[in-house]
Every structure is written in structure tokens, then in C-alpha cells.
Amino acid sequence: MEKGFEMLRGTRVLLKAPELKNTGIELTEETEAQLRNEYASKLGVLEVYAVGTAVEDVTEGDNVYVHEFALGNAEKVRINDSVMFLINERDIAIIW
């Protein structure tokens, strides 16, 4: 499967952002990001899409819990037409 990028560097982790149901209402990028954050924090479990070259204990496909604060500050990146949360490995509190 093509990741959509060549390499993720450092201790960064890409998480799959939850899909938002299409309500037919056009949202600003800011509002969409806020809704994704709120939804993800309620969801509690996110799947790891990719890990950086220096990540030690999290692997692609793991399900993880990330503090709500970290999700709120996560950078949002669009890869292969999907939104991803870019966080630091240390923001992951639980690995299932």
C-alpha cells in the first residue's frame, strides 16, 4: 500500500483521523478540524497510520489513546485524500 510520502522522520506519529459524516453543509477548514478533534477525543482510540524513523515502541496499525490536549494541538495533514493527525510519540498514553 502506498503511504503517500517517502519517509516520516523523527519521533513523529501519523494517526488516522476519524471520518466525519457528510451533512451536506460546507465547513471551513478550521471548523472541520475542530469537529475532528472533538470526535476523536470522544472516540478514545485512534489507529496509527505511520511512524517516524526514531519511534521505538509504537508500530503501524497499533490502536492508541492520545491525550485530548495533544489532539487539539496536533497538526492536521492531508495524505492520499485522508486527514491525519501528526503528533509526537510521547503524546501517546496507551497502546492497545
C-alpha atoms as a PDB file:
ATOM      1  CA  MET A   1       0.000   0.000   0.000  1.00  0.00           C
ATOM      2  CA  GLU A   2       1.357   3.390  -0.983  1.00  0.00           C
ATOM      3  CA  LYS A   3       1.708   5.673   2.056  1.00  0.00           C
ATOM      4  CA  GLY A   4       1.593   8.918   0.071  1.00  0.00           C
ATOM      5  CA  PHE A   5       5.042  10.063   1.233  1.00  0.00           C
ATOM      6  CA  GLU A   6       8.598   8.749   1.199  1.00  0.00           C
ATOM      7  CA  MET A   7       9.607   8.933   4.872  1.00  0.00           C
ATOM      8  CA  LEU A   8       8.290  10.146   8.223  1.00  0.00           C
ATOM      9  CA  ARG A   9      11.250  11.420  10.226  1.00  0.00           C
ATOM     10  CA  GLY A  10      11.972  11.564  13.945  1.00  0.00           C
ATOM     11  CA  THR A  11       9.594  10.656  16.755  1.00  0.00           C
ATOM     12  CA  ARG A  12       6.507  11.711  14.836  1.00  0.00           C
ATOM     13  CA  VAL A  13       3.440   9.507  14.520  1.00  0.00           C
ATOM     14  CA  LEU A  14       0.650   9.843  11.963  1.00  0.00           C
ATOM     15  CA  LEU A  15      -2.794   8.832  13.220  1.00  0.00           C
ATOM     16  CA  LYS A  16      -5.844   8.228  11.068  1.00  0.00           C
ATOM     17  CA  ALA A  17      -8.341  10.969  11.835  1.00  0.00           C
ATOM     18  CA  PRO A  18     -11.926   9.800  12.216  1.00  0.00           C
ATOM     19  CA  GLU A  19     -14.127  10.328   9.202  1.00  0.00           C
ATOM     20  CA  LEU A  20     -16.831  12.932   9.532  1.00  0.00           C
ATOM     21  CA  LYS A  21     -20.277  12.116   8.222  1.00  0.00           C
ATOM     22  CA  ASN A  22     -21.199  14.263   5.267  1.00  0.00           C
ATOM     23  CA  THR A  23     -24.035  16.515   6.365  1.00  0.00           C
ATOM     24  CA  GLY A  24     -24.174  18.407   3.087  1.00  0.00           C
ATOM     25  CA  ILE A  25     -23.068  21.549   4.881  1.00  0.00           C
ATOM     26  CA  GLU A  26     -19.822  23.121   3.714  1.00  0.00           C
ATOM     27  CA  LEU A  27     -17.451  23.651   6.618  1.00  0.00           C
ATOM     28  CA  THR A  28     -14.427  25.860   6.825  1.00  0.00           C
ATOM     29  CA  GLU A  29     -11.127  24.054   7.253  1.00  0.00           C
ATOM     30  CA  GLU A  30     -10.935  25.407  10.804  1.00  0.00           C
ATOM     31  CA  THR A  31     -14.405  24.151  11.743  1.00  0.00           C
ATOM     32  CA  GLU A  32     -13.758  20.752  10.168  1.00  0.00           C
ATOM     33  CA  ALA A  33     -10.509  20.428  12.154  1.00  0.00           C
ATOM     34  CA  GLN A  34     -12.312  21.353  15.375  1.00  0.00           C
ATOM     35  CA  LEU A  35     -15.051  18.771  14.733  1.00  0.00           C
ATOM     36  CA  ARG A  36     -12.453  16.076  14.009  1.00  0.00           C
ATOM     37  CA  ASN A  37     -10.663  16.885  17.262  1.00  0.00           C
ATOM     38  CA  GLU A  38     -13.872  16.744  19.283  1.00  0.00           C
ATOM     39  CA  TYR A  39     -14.938  13.497  17.636  1.00  0.00           C
ATOM     40  CA  ALA A  40     -11.511  11.891  18.102  1.00  0.00           C
ATOM     41  CA  SER A  41     -11.391  12.819  21.785  1.00  0.00           C
ATOM     42  CA  LYS A  42     -14.779  11.177  22.321  1.00  0.00           C
ATOM     43  CA  LEU A  43     -13.731   8.152  20.303  1.00  0.00           C
ATOM     44  CA  GLY A  44     -10.716   7.464  22.515  1.00  0.00           C
ATOM     45  CA  VAL A  45      -8.964   5.011  20.177  1.00  0.00           C
ATOM     46  CA  LEU A  46      -7.108   6.011  17.028  1.00  0.00           C
ATOM     47  CA  GLU A  47      -5.199   3.852  14.552  1.00  0.00           C
ATOM     48  CA  VAL A  48      -1.539   4.506  13.795  1.00  0.00           C
ATOM     49  CA  TYR A  49      -1.059   5.119  10.061  1.00  0.00           C
ATOM     50  CA  ALA A  50       2.742   5.526  10.080  1.00  0.00           C
ATOM     51  CA  VAL A  51       5.629   6.029  12.496  1.00  0.00           C
ATOM     52  CA  GLY A  52       8.796   8.090  12.206  1.00  0.00           C
ATOM     53  CA  THR A  53      12.315   6.758  11.872  1.00  0.00           C
ATOM     54  CA  ALA A  54      13.100   7.250  15.601  1.00  0.00           C
ATOM     55  CA  VAL A  55       9.853   5.867  17.080  1.00  0.00           C
ATOM     56  CA  GLU A  56      10.644   2.967  19.386  1.00  0.00           C
ATOM     57  CA  ASP A  57       7.524   1.328  20.831  1.00  0.00           C
ATOM     58  CA  VAL A  58       4.607   2.184  18.547  1.00  0.00           C
ATOM     59  CA  THR A  59       4.064   0.410  15.240  1.00  0.00           C
ATOM     60  CA  GLU A  60       1.880   0.943  12.218  1.00  0.00           C
ATOM     61  CA  GLY A  61      -1.590  -0.484  12.791  1.00  0.00           C
ATOM     62  CA  ASP A  62      -1.494  -0.105  16.592  1.00  0.00           C
ATOM     63  CA  ASN A  63      -4.545   1.376  18.273  1.00  0.00           C
ATOM     64  CA  VAL A  64      -3.641   4.156  20.686  1.00  0.00           C
ATOM     65  CA  TYR A  65      -5.101   6.682  23.100  1.00  0.00           C
ATOM     66  CA  VAL A  66      -3.808  10.246  22.882  1.00  0.00           C
ATOM     67  CA  HIS A  67      -4.486  12.971  25.429  1.00  0.00           C
ATOM     68  CA  GLU A  68      -7.198  15.370  24.294  1.00  0.00           C
ATOM     69  CA  PHE A  69      -4.793  18.298  24.685  1.00  0.00           C
ATOM     70  CA  ALA A  70      -2.324  16.688  22.270  1.00  0.00           C
ATOM     71  CA  LEU A  71      -5.054  16.060  19.695  1.00  0.00           C
ATOM     72  CA  GLY A  72      -6.198  19.647  19.965  1.00  0.00           C
ATOM     73  CA  ASN A  73      -2.680  20.813  19.159  1.00  0.00           C
ATOM     74  CA  ALA A  74      -1.938  18.149  16.562  1.00  0.00           C
ATOM     75  CA  GLU A  75      -1.055  19.281  13.098  1.00  0.00           C
ATOM     76  CA  LYS A  76      -3.573  18.121  10.503  1.00  0.00           C
ATOM     77  CA  VAL A  77      -2.054  16.699   7.321  1.00  0.00           C
ATOM     78  CA  ARG A  78      -3.905  15.540   4.202  1.00  0.00           C
ATOM     79  CA  ILE A  79      -2.358  12.368   2.747  1.00  0.00           C
ATOM     80  CA  ASN A  80      -3.957  10.318  -0.037  1.00  0.00           C
ATOM     81  CA  ASP A  81      -7.177  12.353   0.352  1.00  0.00           C
ATOM     82  CA  SER A  82      -7.432  11.486   4.062  1.00  0.00           C
ATOM     83  CA  VAL A  83      -6.848  13.724   7.047  1.00  0.00           C
ATOM     84  CA  MET A  84      -4.198  12.574   9.514  1.00  0.00           C
ATOM     85  CA  PHE A  85      -3.149  13.843  12.945  1.00  0.00           C
ATOM     86  CA  LEU A  86       0.608  14.400  13.243  1.00  0.00           C
ATOM     87  CA  ILE A  87       1.714  14.018  16.864  1.00  0.00           C
ATOM     88  CA  ASN A  88       4.849  13.244  18.828  1.00  0.00           C
ATOM     89  CA  GLU A  89       5.364   9.696  20.122  1.00  0.00           C
ATOM     90  CA  ARG A  90       5.418  10.955  23.732  1.00  0.00           C
ATOM     91  CA  ASP A  91       1.795  12.162  23.371  1.00  0.00           C
ATOM     92  CA  ILE A  92       0.597   8.549  23.178  1.00  0.00           C
ATOM     93  CA  ALA A  93      -0.586   7.425  26.615  1.00  0.00           C
ATOM     94  CA  ILE A  94      -1.950   3.930  25.893  1.00  0.00           C
ATOM     95  CA  ILE A  95      -1.237   1.320  23.214  1.00  0.00           C
ATOM     96  CA  TRP A  96      -3.809  -1.463  22.747  1.00  0.00           C
END
